Amino acid sequence: MYDSFAMANHDNSESARACVREYVEQNAQLIISWLEGSGTVEDVGAELILSEVGKYKLNGKPDLRGIAGPIIDKIFREAPGGEIAARRYLAECIASGHGVPMQLEQLCRELLLDKPIGKNPIASRTKRGRKTRNARRDLLIWLLIRVLQANFDISKRSNDAREDDPDFPDSALEIIRDELSTVDPEIGKISLKRLHNAALKFAANNEWFTC
């Protein structure tokens, strides 16, 4: 029974590796371009937020009626990159001639007066030390982990001491690190623990997106 279980795990791991390898090979240039973009938590967060809020449209116009308005307002105020995203979104609404959505008028007034919004205003963040520039990498790894766990039933991460043990099937994170290193060799030099912790931290900081 143990042998059949171990064989199934290895088969799942090999199938997962083939899936990631195909994805990387077919999207190598896209992945490289993504990883080379600005990788601060705020910049990546802003891109995610703008992608999400862009879904709320009706006949090509912003539509934040119902619960959409309070949800988007909360994301703008509390999520990393929220203030950057809010300024860009409102500027686009005005430039397009659609005007500021009624649900965001208070937020717009606060921004025009340069009032700090939410928990992490830009002014307070600029006083911190050096920002991480790996948010794009962390997001990509987090997404790939989710895909592999959902589709191939493999462990998220193995102990670093076991990563070269042939008796243990490769974990999702091992596979992802190996395959992404073909487009970014620096990723292959990072320990599984460090990559795992970085992906978890990104997910925790962006719960509105990762939950």
N, C-alpha and C. Protein backbone atom coordinates (compact mmCIF):
# COMPACT_ATOMS: atom_id res chain seq x y z
N MET A 1 0.83 -1.21 0.00
CA MET A 1 0.00 0.00 0.00
C MET A 1 0.86 1.26 0.00
N TYR A 2 1.94 1.21 0.80
CA TYR A 2 2.82 2.38 0.87
C TYR A 2 3.44 2.66 -0.50
N ASP A 3 3.88 1.56 -1.18
CA ASP A 3 4.51 1.73 -2.48
C ASP A 3 3.56 2.36 -3.49
N SER A 4 2.30 1.91 -3.49
CA SER A 4 1.33 2.46 -4.43
C SER A 4 1.03 3.91 -4.11
N PHE A 5 0.99 4.24 -2.81
CA PHE A 5 0.74 5.63 -2.40
C PHE A 5 1.91 6.52 -2.83
N ALA A 6 3.14 6.03 -2.58
CA ALA A 6 4.32 6.80 -2.95
C ALA A 6 4.39 7.00 -4.46
N MET A 7 4.03 5.92 -5.21
CA MET A 7 4.05 6.01 -6.67
C MET A 7 3.05 7.05 -7.17
N ALA A 8 1.87 7.06 -6.55
CA ALA A 8 0.85 8.03 -6.95
C ALA A 8 1.32 9.44 -6.69
N ASN A 9 1.99 9.66 -5.53
CA ASN A 9 2.51 10.98 -5.21
C ASN A 9 3.57 11.42 -6.21
N HIS A 10 4.45 10.49 -6.59
CA HIS A 10 5.48 10.82 -7.57
C HIS A 10 4.85 11.13 -8.93
N ASP A 11 3.83 10.37 -9.30
CA ASP A 11 3.14 10.61 -10.57
C ASP A 11 2.49 11.99 -10.58
N ASN A 12 1.85 12.34 -9.45
CA ASN A 12 1.23 13.66 -9.35
C ASN A 12 2.28 14.77 -9.47
N SER A 13 3.41 14.53 -8.81
CA SER A 13 4.48 15.52 -8.84
C SER A 13 5.03 15.69 -10.26
N GLU A 14 5.21 14.59 -10.96
CA GLU A 14 5.73 14.66 -12.32
C GLU A 14 4.74 15.36 -13.26
N SER A 15 3.45 15.09 -13.05
CA SER A 15 2.43 15.76 -13.86
C SER A 15 2.41 17.26 -13.58
N ALA A 16 2.57 17.62 -12.31
CA ALA A 16 2.60 19.03 -11.94
C ALA A 16 3.80 19.73 -12.55
N ARG A 17 4.94 19.04 -12.54
CA ARG A 17 6.14 19.63 -13.14
C ARG A 17 5.96 19.84 -14.64
N ALA A 18 5.37 18.87 -15.30
CA ALA A 18 5.14 19.00 -16.74
C ALA A 18 4.22 20.19 -17.03
N CYS A 19 3.24 20.40 -16.16
CA CYS A 19 2.30 21.52 -16.33
C CYS A 19 3.01 22.86 -16.20
N VAL A 20 3.83 23.01 -15.14
CA VAL A 20 4.54 24.27 -14.92
C VAL A 20 5.56 24.50 -16.02
N ARG A 21 6.25 23.43 -16.43
CA ARG A 21 7.26 23.56 -17.48
C ARG A 21 6.62 24.06 -18.77
N GLU A 22 5.49 23.49 -19.12
CA GLU A 22 4.79 23.92 -20.34
C GLU A 22 4.35 25.37 -20.22
N TYR A 23 3.84 25.75 -19.05
CA TYR A 23 3.41 27.13 -18.85
C TYR A 23 4.59 28.10 -19.00
N VAL A 24 5.71 27.76 -18.40
CA VAL A 24 6.88 28.64 -18.47
C VAL A 24 7.42 28.72 -19.89
N GLU A 25 7.50 27.59 -20.57
CA GLU A 25 8.01 27.58 -21.94
C GLU A 25 7.13 28.39 -22.88
N GLN A 26 5.82 28.29 -22.71
CA GLN A 26 4.90 28.99 -23.60
C GLN A 26 4.75 30.47 -23.26
N ASN A 27 5.13 30.84 -22.04
CA ASN A 27 4.93 32.23 -21.61
C ASN A 27 6.21 32.86 -21.08
N ALA A 28 7.35 32.37 -21.56
CA ALA A 28 8.64 32.82 -21.03
C ALA A 28 8.81 34.34 -21.11
N GLN A 29 8.52 34.92 -22.27
CA GLN A 29 8.73 36.36 -22.43
C GLN A 29 7.76 37.16 -21.56
N LEU A 30 6.53 36.67 -21.45
CA LEU A 30 5.55 37.34 -20.60
C LEU A 30 5.98 37.30 -19.14
N ILE A 31 6.49 36.16 -18.71
CA ILE A 31 6.95 36.01 -17.33
C ILE A 31 8.14 36.93 -17.06
N ILE A 32 9.07 36.96 -18.01
CA ILE A 32 10.24 37.83 -17.85
C ILE A 32 9.82 39.29 -17.74
N SER A 33 8.91 39.71 -18.61
CA SER A 33 8.42 41.10 -18.58
C SER A 33 7.73 41.40 -17.26
N TRP A 34 6.95 40.44 -16.78
CA TRP A 34 6.25 40.62 -15.51
C TRP A 34 7.24 40.78 -14.37
N LEU A 35 8.24 39.90 -14.31
CA LEU A 35 9.21 39.94 -13.21
C LEU A 35 10.09 41.18 -13.27
N GLU A 36 10.29 41.73 -14.45
CA GLU A 36 11.16 42.90 -14.59
C GLU A 36 10.44 44.20 -14.27
N GLY A 37 9.12 44.16 -14.11
CA GLY A 37 8.38 45.37 -13.77
C GLY A 37 8.66 45.80 -12.34
N SER A 38 8.13 46.95 -11.97
CA SER A 38 8.31 47.44 -10.60
C SER A 38 7.76 46.43 -9.62
N GLY A 39 8.59 46.02 -8.67
CA GLY A 39 8.19 44.93 -7.79
C GLY A 39 7.88 45.33 -6.37
N THR A 40 7.65 46.62 -6.10
CA THR A 40 7.29 47.00 -4.74
C THR A 40 5.90 46.47 -4.42
N VAL A 41 5.67 46.25 -3.15
CA VAL A 41 4.37 45.76 -2.71
C VAL A 41 3.27 46.72 -3.13
N GLU A 42 3.54 48.03 -3.03
CA GLU A 42 2.52 49.02 -3.36
C GLU A 42 2.21 49.02 -4.86
N ASP A 43 3.24 48.94 -5.69
CA ASP A 43 3.01 48.99 -7.14
C ASP A 43 2.26 47.76 -7.63
N VAL A 44 2.66 46.59 -7.13
CA VAL A 44 1.97 45.36 -7.53
C VAL A 44 0.55 45.35 -6.99
N GLY A 45 0.39 45.80 -5.75
CA GLY A 45 -0.94 45.88 -5.18
C GLY A 45 -1.85 46.79 -5.98
N ALA A 46 -1.30 47.91 -6.44
CA ALA A 46 -2.08 48.86 -7.23
C ALA A 46 -2.55 48.22 -8.54
N GLU A 47 -1.67 47.45 -9.18
CA GLU A 47 -2.06 46.77 -10.41
C GLU A 47 -3.20 45.79 -10.18
N LEU A 48 -3.11 45.03 -9.09
CA LEU A 48 -4.16 44.06 -8.77
C LEU A 48 -5.49 44.76 -8.51
N ILE A 49 -5.43 45.86 -7.78
CA ILE A 49 -6.65 46.59 -7.44
C ILE A 49 -7.29 47.17 -8.69
N LEU A 50 -6.48 47.78 -9.55
CA LEU A 50 -7.03 48.37 -10.77
C LEU A 50 -7.63 47.29 -11.67
N SER A 51 -7.03 46.12 -11.69
CA SER A 51 -7.59 45.01 -12.46
C SER A 51 -8.94 44.60 -11.91
N GLU A 52 -9.05 44.59 -10.59
CA GLU A 52 -10.31 44.19 -9.96
C GLU A 52 -11.40 45.24 -10.15
N VAL A 53 -11.08 46.50 -9.89
CA VAL A 53 -12.11 47.54 -9.98
C VAL A 53 -12.56 47.75 -11.42
N GLY A 54 -11.67 47.41 -12.37
CA GLY A 54 -12.02 47.54 -13.77
C GLY A 54 -13.15 46.60 -14.20
N LYS A 55 -13.45 45.60 -13.38
CA LYS A 55 -14.52 44.66 -13.70
C LYS A 55 -15.91 45.26 -13.44
N TYR A 56 -15.95 46.29 -12.62
CA TYR A 56 -17.24 46.87 -12.24
C TYR A 56 -17.64 47.95 -13.23
N LYS A 57 -18.23 47.51 -14.34
CA LYS A 57 -18.67 48.44 -15.38
C LYS A 57 -20.04 48.01 -15.90
N LEU A 58 -20.77 48.98 -16.40
CA LEU A 58 -22.05 48.73 -17.04
C LEU A 58 -22.11 49.61 -18.29
N ASN A 59 -22.21 48.96 -19.43
CA ASN A 59 -22.21 49.69 -20.71
C ASN A 59 -20.98 50.59 -20.85
N GLY A 60 -19.84 50.06 -20.39
CA GLY A 60 -18.58 50.78 -20.54
C GLY A 60 -18.34 51.86 -19.51
N LYS A 61 -19.27 52.05 -18.58
CA LYS A 61 -19.12 53.10 -17.57
C LYS A 61 -18.90 52.47 -16.19
N PRO A 62 -18.13 53.13 -15.31
CA PRO A 62 -17.94 52.61 -13.96
C PRO A 62 -19.28 52.41 -13.27
N ASP A 63 -19.43 51.26 -12.60
CA ASP A 63 -20.69 50.95 -11.93
C ASP A 63 -20.38 50.35 -10.56
N LEU A 64 -20.48 51.19 -9.54
CA LEU A 64 -20.16 50.74 -8.18
C LEU A 64 -21.39 50.74 -7.28
N ARG A 65 -22.53 50.46 -7.86
CA ARG A 65 -23.76 50.41 -7.07
C ARG A 65 -23.77 49.17 -6.17
N GLY A 66 -24.65 49.21 -5.17
CA GLY A 66 -24.78 48.07 -4.27
C GLY A 66 -23.58 47.93 -3.36
N ILE A 67 -23.19 46.68 -3.11
CA ILE A 67 -22.06 46.46 -2.19
C ILE A 67 -20.72 46.73 -2.86
N ALA A 68 -20.70 46.88 -4.18
CA ALA A 68 -19.44 47.12 -4.87
C ALA A 68 -18.76 48.38 -4.38
N GLY A 69 -19.53 49.46 -4.18
CA GLY A 69 -18.97 50.74 -3.74
C GLY A 69 -18.21 50.65 -2.43
N PRO A 70 -18.86 50.17 -1.36
CA PRO A 70 -18.15 50.04 -0.08
C PRO A 70 -16.96 49.10 -0.14
N ILE A 71 -17.07 48.03 -0.92
CA ILE A 71 -15.95 47.08 -1.03
C ILE A 71 -14.75 47.75 -1.68
N ILE A 72 -14.98 48.41 -2.80
CA ILE A 72 -13.87 49.07 -3.50
C ILE A 72 -13.29 50.20 -2.67
N ASP A 73 -14.14 50.96 -2.01
CA ASP A 73 -13.65 52.04 -1.14
C ASP A 73 -12.74 51.48 -0.05
N LYS A 74 -13.13 50.36 0.54
CA LYS A 74 -12.34 49.74 1.60
C LYS A 74 -11.00 49.24 1.07
N ILE A 75 -11.02 48.65 -0.12
CA ILE A 75 -9.77 48.17 -0.72
C ILE A 75 -8.83 49.34 -0.99
N PHE A 76 -9.36 50.42 -1.57
CA PHE A 76 -8.54 51.60 -1.82
C PHE A 76 -7.91 52.12 -0.54
N ARG A 77 -8.65 52.08 0.54
CA ARG A 77 -8.18 52.66 1.80
C ARG A 77 -7.22 51.75 2.57
N GLU A 78 -7.39 50.44 2.45
CA GLU A 78 -6.68 49.54 3.35
C GLU A 78 -5.64 48.64 2.68
N ALA A 79 -5.79 48.34 1.42
CA ALA A 79 -4.87 47.40 0.78
C ALA A 79 -3.56 48.07 0.39
N PRO A 80 -2.45 47.34 0.39
CA PRO A 80 -1.20 47.90 -0.11
C PRO A 80 -1.37 48.37 -1.55
N GLY A 81 -0.93 49.58 -1.83
CA GLY A 81 -1.10 50.13 -3.18
C GLY A 81 -2.45 50.77 -3.40
N GLY A 82 -3.29 50.78 -2.37
CA GLY A 82 -4.65 51.30 -2.52
C GLY A 82 -4.71 52.76 -2.91
N GLU A 83 -3.88 53.58 -2.28
CA GLU A 83 -3.91 55.01 -2.59
C GLU A 83 -3.42 55.27 -4.01
N ILE A 84 -2.37 54.56 -4.42
CA ILE A 84 -1.88 54.70 -5.80
C ILE A 84 -2.98 54.33 -6.78
N ALA A 85 -3.63 53.19 -6.51
CA ALA A 85 -4.70 52.72 -7.40
C ALA A 85 -5.87 53.69 -7.43
N ALA A 86 -6.23 54.22 -6.27
CA ALA A 86 -7.36 55.14 -6.19
C ALA A 86 -7.10 56.40 -7.02
N ARG A 87 -5.91 56.95 -6.91
CA ARG A 87 -5.59 58.16 -7.67
C ARG A 87 -5.64 57.89 -9.18
N ARG A 88 -5.10 56.75 -9.59
CA ARG A 88 -5.12 56.42 -11.01
C ARG A 88 -6.54 56.18 -11.50
N TYR A 89 -7.31 55.45 -10.72
CA TYR A 89 -8.67 55.11 -11.12
C TYR A 89 -9.53 56.36 -11.25
N LEU A 90 -9.47 57.22 -10.25
CA LEU A 90 -10.29 58.43 -10.27
C LEU A 90 -9.87 59.36 -11.41
N ALA A 91 -8.56 59.42 -11.65
CA ALA A 91 -8.06 60.25 -12.76
C ALA A 91 -8.60 59.73 -14.10
N GLU A 92 -8.63 58.40 -14.24
CA GLU A 92 -9.14 57.81 -15.47
C GLU A 92 -10.65 58.06 -15.62
N CYS A 93 -11.38 57.99 -14.51
CA CYS A 93 -12.82 58.25 -14.56
C CYS A 93 -13.10 59.67 -15.03
N ILE A 94 -12.32 60.60 -14.50
CA ILE A 94 -12.52 62.01 -14.86
C ILE A 94 -12.10 62.25 -16.31
N ALA A 95 -10.94 61.70 -16.69
CA ALA A 95 -10.43 61.90 -18.05
C ALA A 95 -11.36 61.30 -19.10
N SER A 96 -12.04 60.21 -18.75
CA SER A 96 -12.93 59.55 -19.71
C SER A 96 -14.25 60.29 -19.88
N GLY A 97 -14.50 61.27 -19.00
CA GLY A 97 -15.75 62.02 -19.08
C GLY A 97 -16.87 61.40 -18.27
N HIS A 98 -16.62 60.27 -17.61
CA HIS A 98 -17.65 59.62 -16.81
C HIS A 98 -17.80 60.25 -15.43
N GLY A 99 -16.77 60.95 -15.00
CA GLY A 99 -16.82 61.59 -13.69
C GLY A 99 -16.55 60.61 -12.56
N VAL A 100 -16.46 61.15 -11.35
CA VAL A 100 -16.19 60.32 -10.17
C VAL A 100 -17.45 59.58 -9.76
N PRO A 101 -17.37 58.26 -9.59
CA PRO A 101 -18.55 57.52 -9.12
C PRO A 101 -19.03 58.09 -7.79
N MET A 102 -20.32 58.19 -7.62
CA MET A 102 -20.89 58.76 -6.42
C MET A 102 -20.36 58.08 -5.16
N GLN A 103 -20.15 56.79 -5.22
CA GLN A 103 -19.71 56.02 -4.06
C GLN A 103 -18.29 56.37 -3.62
N LEU A 104 -17.54 57.04 -4.49
CA LEU A 104 -16.15 57.38 -4.17
C LEU A 104 -15.92 58.88 -4.05
N GLU A 105 -16.99 59.65 -3.98
CA GLU A 105 -16.83 61.11 -3.91
C GLU A 105 -16.11 61.55 -2.64
N GLN A 106 -16.42 60.93 -1.50
CA GLN A 106 -15.75 61.28 -0.26
C GLN A 106 -14.27 60.95 -0.33
N LEU A 107 -13.96 59.79 -0.87
CA LEU A 107 -12.56 59.40 -1.04
C LEU A 107 -11.83 60.37 -1.94
N CYS A 108 -12.49 60.78 -3.02
CA CYS A 108 -11.89 61.74 -3.96
C CYS A 108 -11.60 63.07 -3.27
N ARG A 109 -12.53 63.54 -2.45
CA ARG A 109 -12.31 64.81 -1.73
C ARG A 109 -11.10 64.71 -0.82
N GLU A 110 -10.97 63.60 -0.13
CA GLU A 110 -9.84 63.42 0.78
C GLU A 110 -8.51 63.41 0.03
N LEU A 111 -8.50 62.77 -1.12
CA LEU A 111 -7.28 62.72 -1.91
C LEU A 111 -6.92 64.08 -2.48
N LEU A 112 -7.94 64.84 -2.92
CA LEU A 112 -7.69 66.17 -3.45
C LEU A 112 -7.12 67.11 -2.39
N LEU A 113 -7.48 66.87 -1.15
CA LEU A 113 -6.97 67.67 -0.04
C LEU A 113 -5.68 67.09 0.55
N ASP A 114 -5.18 66.05 -0.10
CA ASP A 114 -3.95 65.36 0.35
C ASP A 114 -4.07 64.84 1.78
N LYS A 115 -5.27 64.42 2.13
CA LYS A 115 -5.45 63.81 3.44
C LYS A 115 -5.03 62.34 3.38
N PRO A 116 -4.41 61.84 4.44
CA PRO A 116 -4.05 60.42 4.45
C PRO A 116 -5.31 59.56 4.47
N ILE A 117 -5.32 58.50 3.69
CA ILE A 117 -6.49 57.62 3.68
C ILE A 117 -6.10 56.25 4.18
N GLY A 118 -7.01 55.61 4.87
CA GLY A 118 -6.81 54.23 5.27
C GLY A 118 -5.70 54.03 6.29
N LYS A 119 -5.22 52.78 6.33
CA LYS A 119 -4.24 52.38 7.34
C LYS A 119 -2.81 52.67 6.92
N ASN A 120 -2.56 52.72 5.61
CA ASN A 120 -1.18 52.84 5.13
C ASN A 120 -1.02 53.95 4.10
N PRO A 121 -1.18 55.21 4.51
CA PRO A 121 -1.02 56.29 3.55
C PRO A 121 0.39 56.33 2.99
N ILE A 122 0.51 56.83 1.74
CA ILE A 122 1.80 56.88 1.08
C ILE A 122 2.83 57.64 1.91
N ALA A 123 2.41 58.74 2.51
CA ALA A 123 3.36 59.56 3.26
C ALA A 123 4.06 58.77 4.36
N SER A 124 3.33 57.90 5.06
CA SER A 124 3.95 57.15 6.15
C SER A 124 4.83 56.03 5.60
N ARG A 125 4.49 55.47 4.45
CA ARG A 125 5.28 54.38 3.89
C ARG A 125 6.63 54.87 3.38
N THR A 126 6.69 56.12 2.92
CA THR A 126 7.94 56.61 2.37
C THR A 126 9.00 56.81 3.43
N LYS A 127 8.61 56.76 4.71
CA LYS A 127 9.57 56.93 5.79
C LYS A 127 10.22 55.61 6.18
N ARG A 128 9.75 54.51 5.64
CA ARG A 128 10.28 53.21 6.00
C ARG A 128 11.60 52.95 5.29
N GLY A 129 12.23 51.82 5.65
CA GLY A 129 13.47 51.42 5.01
C GLY A 129 13.23 50.96 3.60
N ARG A 130 14.26 50.33 3.06
CA ARG A 130 14.19 49.88 1.67
C ARG A 130 13.00 48.95 1.44
N LYS A 131 12.27 49.23 0.38
CA LYS A 131 11.08 48.42 0.06
C LYS A 131 11.49 47.12 -0.63
N THR A 132 10.73 46.09 -0.40
CA THR A 132 10.96 44.85 -1.13
C THR A 132 10.61 45.06 -2.59
N ARG A 133 11.40 44.44 -3.46
CA ARG A 133 11.12 44.55 -4.89
C ARG A 133 10.81 43.18 -5.47
N ASN A 134 10.34 42.29 -4.61
CA ASN A 134 10.07 40.92 -5.06
C ASN A 134 8.59 40.58 -5.07
N ALA A 135 7.74 41.56 -4.99
CA ALA A 135 6.31 41.29 -4.89
C ALA A 135 5.78 40.59 -6.15
N ARG A 136 6.32 40.91 -7.31
CA ARG A 136 5.87 40.24 -8.54
C ARG A 136 6.23 38.76 -8.50
N ARG A 137 7.43 38.47 -8.06
CA ARG A 137 7.84 37.07 -7.91
C ARG A 137 6.97 36.36 -6.90
N ASP A 138 6.71 36.99 -5.77
CA ASP A 138 5.94 36.36 -4.70
C ASP A 138 4.50 36.08 -5.14
N LEU A 139 3.91 37.02 -5.87
CA LEU A 139 2.56 36.82 -6.38
C LEU A 139 2.51 35.66 -7.36
N LEU A 140 3.46 35.62 -8.28
CA LEU A 140 3.49 34.54 -9.28
C LEU A 140 3.64 33.19 -8.60
N ILE A 141 4.53 33.10 -7.63
CA ILE A 141 4.74 31.83 -6.92
C ILE A 141 3.50 31.45 -6.14
N TRP A 142 2.86 32.40 -5.49
CA TRP A 142 1.64 32.09 -4.73
C TRP A 142 0.55 31.55 -5.65
N LEU A 143 0.38 32.18 -6.80
CA LEU A 143 -0.65 31.73 -7.74
C LEU A 143 -0.36 30.32 -8.26
N LEU A 144 0.90 30.06 -8.59
CA LEU A 144 1.26 28.74 -9.11
C LEU A 144 1.09 27.66 -8.04
N ILE A 145 1.41 27.98 -6.80
CA ILE A 145 1.20 27.02 -5.71
C ILE A 145 -0.27 26.65 -5.62
N ARG A 146 -1.13 27.66 -5.67
CA ARG A 146 -2.57 27.40 -5.59
C ARG A 146 -3.03 26.49 -6.73
N VAL A 147 -2.54 26.75 -7.92
CA VAL A 147 -2.94 25.94 -9.08
C VAL A 147 -2.49 24.50 -8.92
N LEU A 148 -1.25 24.30 -8.51
CA LEU A 148 -0.72 22.94 -8.38
C LEU A 148 -1.41 22.17 -7.27
N GLN A 149 -1.65 22.83 -6.15
CA GLN A 149 -2.32 22.13 -5.05
C GLN A 149 -3.76 21.76 -5.41
N ALA A 150 -4.41 22.62 -6.15
CA ALA A 150 -5.80 22.37 -6.51
C ALA A 150 -5.94 21.27 -7.55
N ASN A 151 -4.96 21.16 -8.44
CA ASN A 151 -5.09 20.24 -9.57
C ASN A 151 -4.28 18.96 -9.48
N PHE A 152 -3.27 18.94 -8.61
CA PHE A 152 -2.39 17.76 -8.59
C PHE A 152 -2.22 17.14 -7.21
N ASP A 153 -2.85 17.70 -6.20
CA ASP A 153 -2.83 17.12 -4.87
C ASP A 153 -1.41 16.81 -4.39
N ILE A 154 -0.54 17.81 -4.45
CA ILE A 154 0.82 17.64 -3.96
C ILE A 154 1.06 18.61 -2.81
N SER A 155 2.08 18.32 -2.00
CA SER A 155 2.37 19.17 -0.85
C SER A 155 2.88 20.53 -1.33
N LYS A 156 2.64 21.53 -0.51
CA LYS A 156 3.05 22.88 -0.87
C LYS A 156 4.56 23.04 -0.79
N ARG A 157 5.13 22.50 0.29
CA ARG A 157 6.57 22.67 0.48
C ARG A 157 7.12 21.51 1.29
N SER A 158 8.27 20.99 0.90
CA SER A 158 8.93 19.95 1.67
C SER A 158 10.03 20.58 2.51
N ASN A 159 10.50 19.84 3.48
CA ASN A 159 11.61 20.31 4.30
C ASN A 159 12.84 20.50 3.42
N ASP A 160 13.59 21.58 3.65
CA ASP A 160 14.77 21.85 2.82
C ASP A 160 15.74 20.66 2.80
N ALA A 161 15.82 19.94 3.92
CA ALA A 161 16.75 18.82 4.01
C ALA A 161 16.33 17.65 3.12
N ARG A 162 15.06 17.62 2.72
CA ARG A 162 14.55 16.49 1.94
C ARG A 162 14.38 16.82 0.46
N GLU A 163 14.72 18.03 0.06
CA GLU A 163 14.41 18.42 -1.31
C GLU A 163 15.19 17.62 -2.35
N ASP A 164 16.33 17.02 -1.97
CA ASP A 164 17.10 16.21 -2.92
C ASP A 164 16.94 14.72 -2.66
N ASP A 165 16.03 14.34 -1.78
CA ASP A 165 15.81 12.94 -1.45
C ASP A 165 14.86 12.33 -2.49
N PRO A 166 15.33 11.35 -3.28
CA PRO A 166 14.49 10.78 -4.34
C PRO A 166 13.28 10.01 -3.81
N ASP A 167 13.28 9.65 -2.52
CA ASP A 167 12.14 8.92 -1.95
C ASP A 167 10.95 9.83 -1.70
N PHE A 168 11.19 11.12 -1.73
CA PHE A 168 10.11 12.08 -1.49
C PHE A 168 9.77 12.80 -2.79
N PRO A 169 8.49 12.82 -3.17
CA PRO A 169 8.11 13.52 -4.41
C PRO A 169 8.35 15.02 -4.27
N ASP A 170 8.62 15.65 -5.38
CA ASP A 170 8.86 17.09 -5.36
C ASP A 170 7.61 17.84 -4.93
N SER A 171 7.80 18.84 -4.10
CA SER A 171 6.68 19.67 -3.65
C SER A 171 6.37 20.72 -4.71
N ALA A 172 5.23 21.38 -4.53
CA ALA A 172 4.84 22.43 -5.47
C ALA A 172 5.90 23.52 -5.55
N LEU A 173 6.43 23.90 -4.41
CA LEU A 173 7.40 24.99 -4.39
C LEU A 173 8.72 24.59 -5.04
N GLU A 174 9.15 23.35 -4.84
CA GLU A 174 10.36 22.87 -5.52
C GLU A 174 10.19 22.94 -7.03
N ILE A 175 9.07 22.46 -7.50
CA ILE A 175 8.79 22.45 -8.94
C ILE A 175 8.79 23.87 -9.49
N ILE A 176 8.10 24.75 -8.80
CA ILE A 176 7.98 26.14 -9.27
C ILE A 176 9.34 26.82 -9.29
N ARG A 177 10.12 26.62 -8.23
CA ARG A 177 11.45 27.23 -8.18
C ARG A 177 12.32 26.72 -9.33
N ASP A 178 12.31 25.41 -9.54
CA ASP A 178 13.14 24.83 -10.60
C ASP A 178 12.76 25.38 -11.97
N GLU A 179 11.47 25.40 -12.26
CA GLU A 179 11.04 25.79 -13.60
C GLU A 179 11.16 27.29 -13.84
N LEU A 180 10.88 28.10 -12.81
CA LEU A 180 11.03 29.55 -12.98
C LEU A 180 12.49 29.96 -13.09
N SER A 181 13.39 29.15 -12.55
CA SER A 181 14.81 29.48 -12.62
C SER A 181 15.32 29.47 -14.06
N THR A 182 14.57 28.84 -14.97
CA THR A 182 14.99 28.85 -16.38
C THR A 182 14.82 30.22 -17.01
N VAL A 183 13.93 31.04 -16.45
CA VAL A 183 13.75 32.41 -16.97
C VAL A 183 14.36 33.44 -16.02
N ASP A 184 14.56 33.06 -14.77
CA ASP A 184 15.19 33.95 -13.79
C ASP A 184 16.08 33.10 -12.88
N PRO A 185 17.35 32.93 -13.25
CA PRO A 185 18.25 32.06 -12.48
C PRO A 185 18.36 32.44 -11.00
N GLU A 186 18.11 33.69 -10.66
CA GLU A 186 18.23 34.11 -9.26
C GLU A 186 17.21 33.39 -8.38
N ILE A 187 16.06 33.06 -8.94
CA ILE A 187 15.04 32.35 -8.16
C ILE A 187 15.55 30.99 -7.73
N GLY A 188 16.33 30.34 -8.58
CA GLY A 188 16.86 29.02 -8.26
C GLY A 188 17.85 29.02 -7.12
N LYS A 189 18.37 30.18 -6.75
CA LYS A 189 19.35 30.28 -5.67
C LYS A 189 18.72 30.51 -4.30
N ILE A 190 17.41 30.70 -4.27
CA ILE A 190 16.72 31.04 -3.03
C ILE A 190 16.19 29.78 -2.35
N SER A 191 16.32 29.70 -1.04
CA SER A 191 15.85 28.52 -0.32
C SER A 191 14.33 28.40 -0.39
N LEU A 192 13.86 27.17 -0.27
CA LEU A 192 12.41 26.94 -0.28
C LEU A 192 11.75 27.69 0.87
N LYS A 193 12.39 27.69 2.02
CA LYS A 193 11.81 28.36 3.19
C LYS A 193 11.62 29.85 2.93
N ARG A 194 12.62 30.47 2.35
CA ARG A 194 12.53 31.91 2.08
C ARG A 194 11.45 32.22 1.06
N LEU A 195 11.38 31.41 -0.02
CA LEU A 195 10.34 31.63 -1.02
C LEU A 195 8.95 31.41 -0.44
N HIS A 196 8.84 30.38 0.38
CA HIS A 196 7.55 30.06 1.01
C HIS A 196 7.11 31.20 1.91
N ASN A 197 8.01 31.68 2.77
CA ASN A 197 7.66 32.76 3.69
C ASN A 197 7.31 34.05 2.95
N ALA A 198 8.02 34.31 1.86
CA ALA A 198 7.74 35.53 1.08
C ALA A 198 6.36 35.46 0.43
N ALA A 199 6.01 34.29 -0.10
CA ALA A 199 4.70 34.13 -0.72
C ALA A 199 3.59 34.24 0.31
N LEU A 200 3.82 33.65 1.49
CA LEU A 200 2.83 33.75 2.56
C LEU A 200 2.64 35.19 3.02
N LYS A 201 3.73 35.94 3.10
CA LYS A 201 3.65 37.33 3.52
C LYS A 201 2.88 38.15 2.49
N PHE A 202 3.14 37.89 1.21
CA PHE A 202 2.40 38.62 0.18
C PHE A 202 0.91 38.33 0.29
N ALA A 203 0.56 37.05 0.48
CA ALA A 203 -0.84 36.68 0.59
C ALA A 203 -1.49 37.34 1.79
N ALA A 204 -0.78 37.39 2.92
CA ALA A 204 -1.32 38.01 4.13
C ALA A 204 -1.53 39.50 3.95
N ASN A 205 -0.64 40.14 3.21
CA ASN A 205 -0.76 41.59 2.99
C ASN A 205 -1.83 41.96 1.97
N ASN A 206 -2.29 40.96 1.20
CA ASN A 206 -3.28 41.21 0.16
C ASN A 206 -4.46 40.25 0.29
N GLU A 207 -4.99 40.17 1.49
CA GLU A 207 -6.06 39.20 1.76
C GLU A 207 -7.29 39.43 0.90
N TRP A 208 -7.57 40.66 0.52
CA TRP A 208 -8.74 40.93 -0.31
C TRP A 208 -8.64 40.18 -1.63
N PHE A 209 -7.41 39.90 -2.08
CA PHE A 209 -7.19 39.21 -3.35
C PHE A 209 -6.94 37.72 -3.16
N THR A 210 -6.24 37.35 -2.09
CA THR A 210 -5.80 35.96 -1.94
C THR A 210 -6.75 35.07 -1.17
N CYS A 211 -7.75 35.64 -0.49
CA CYS A 211 -8.67 34.81 0.29
C CYS A 211 -9.67 34.10 -0.63
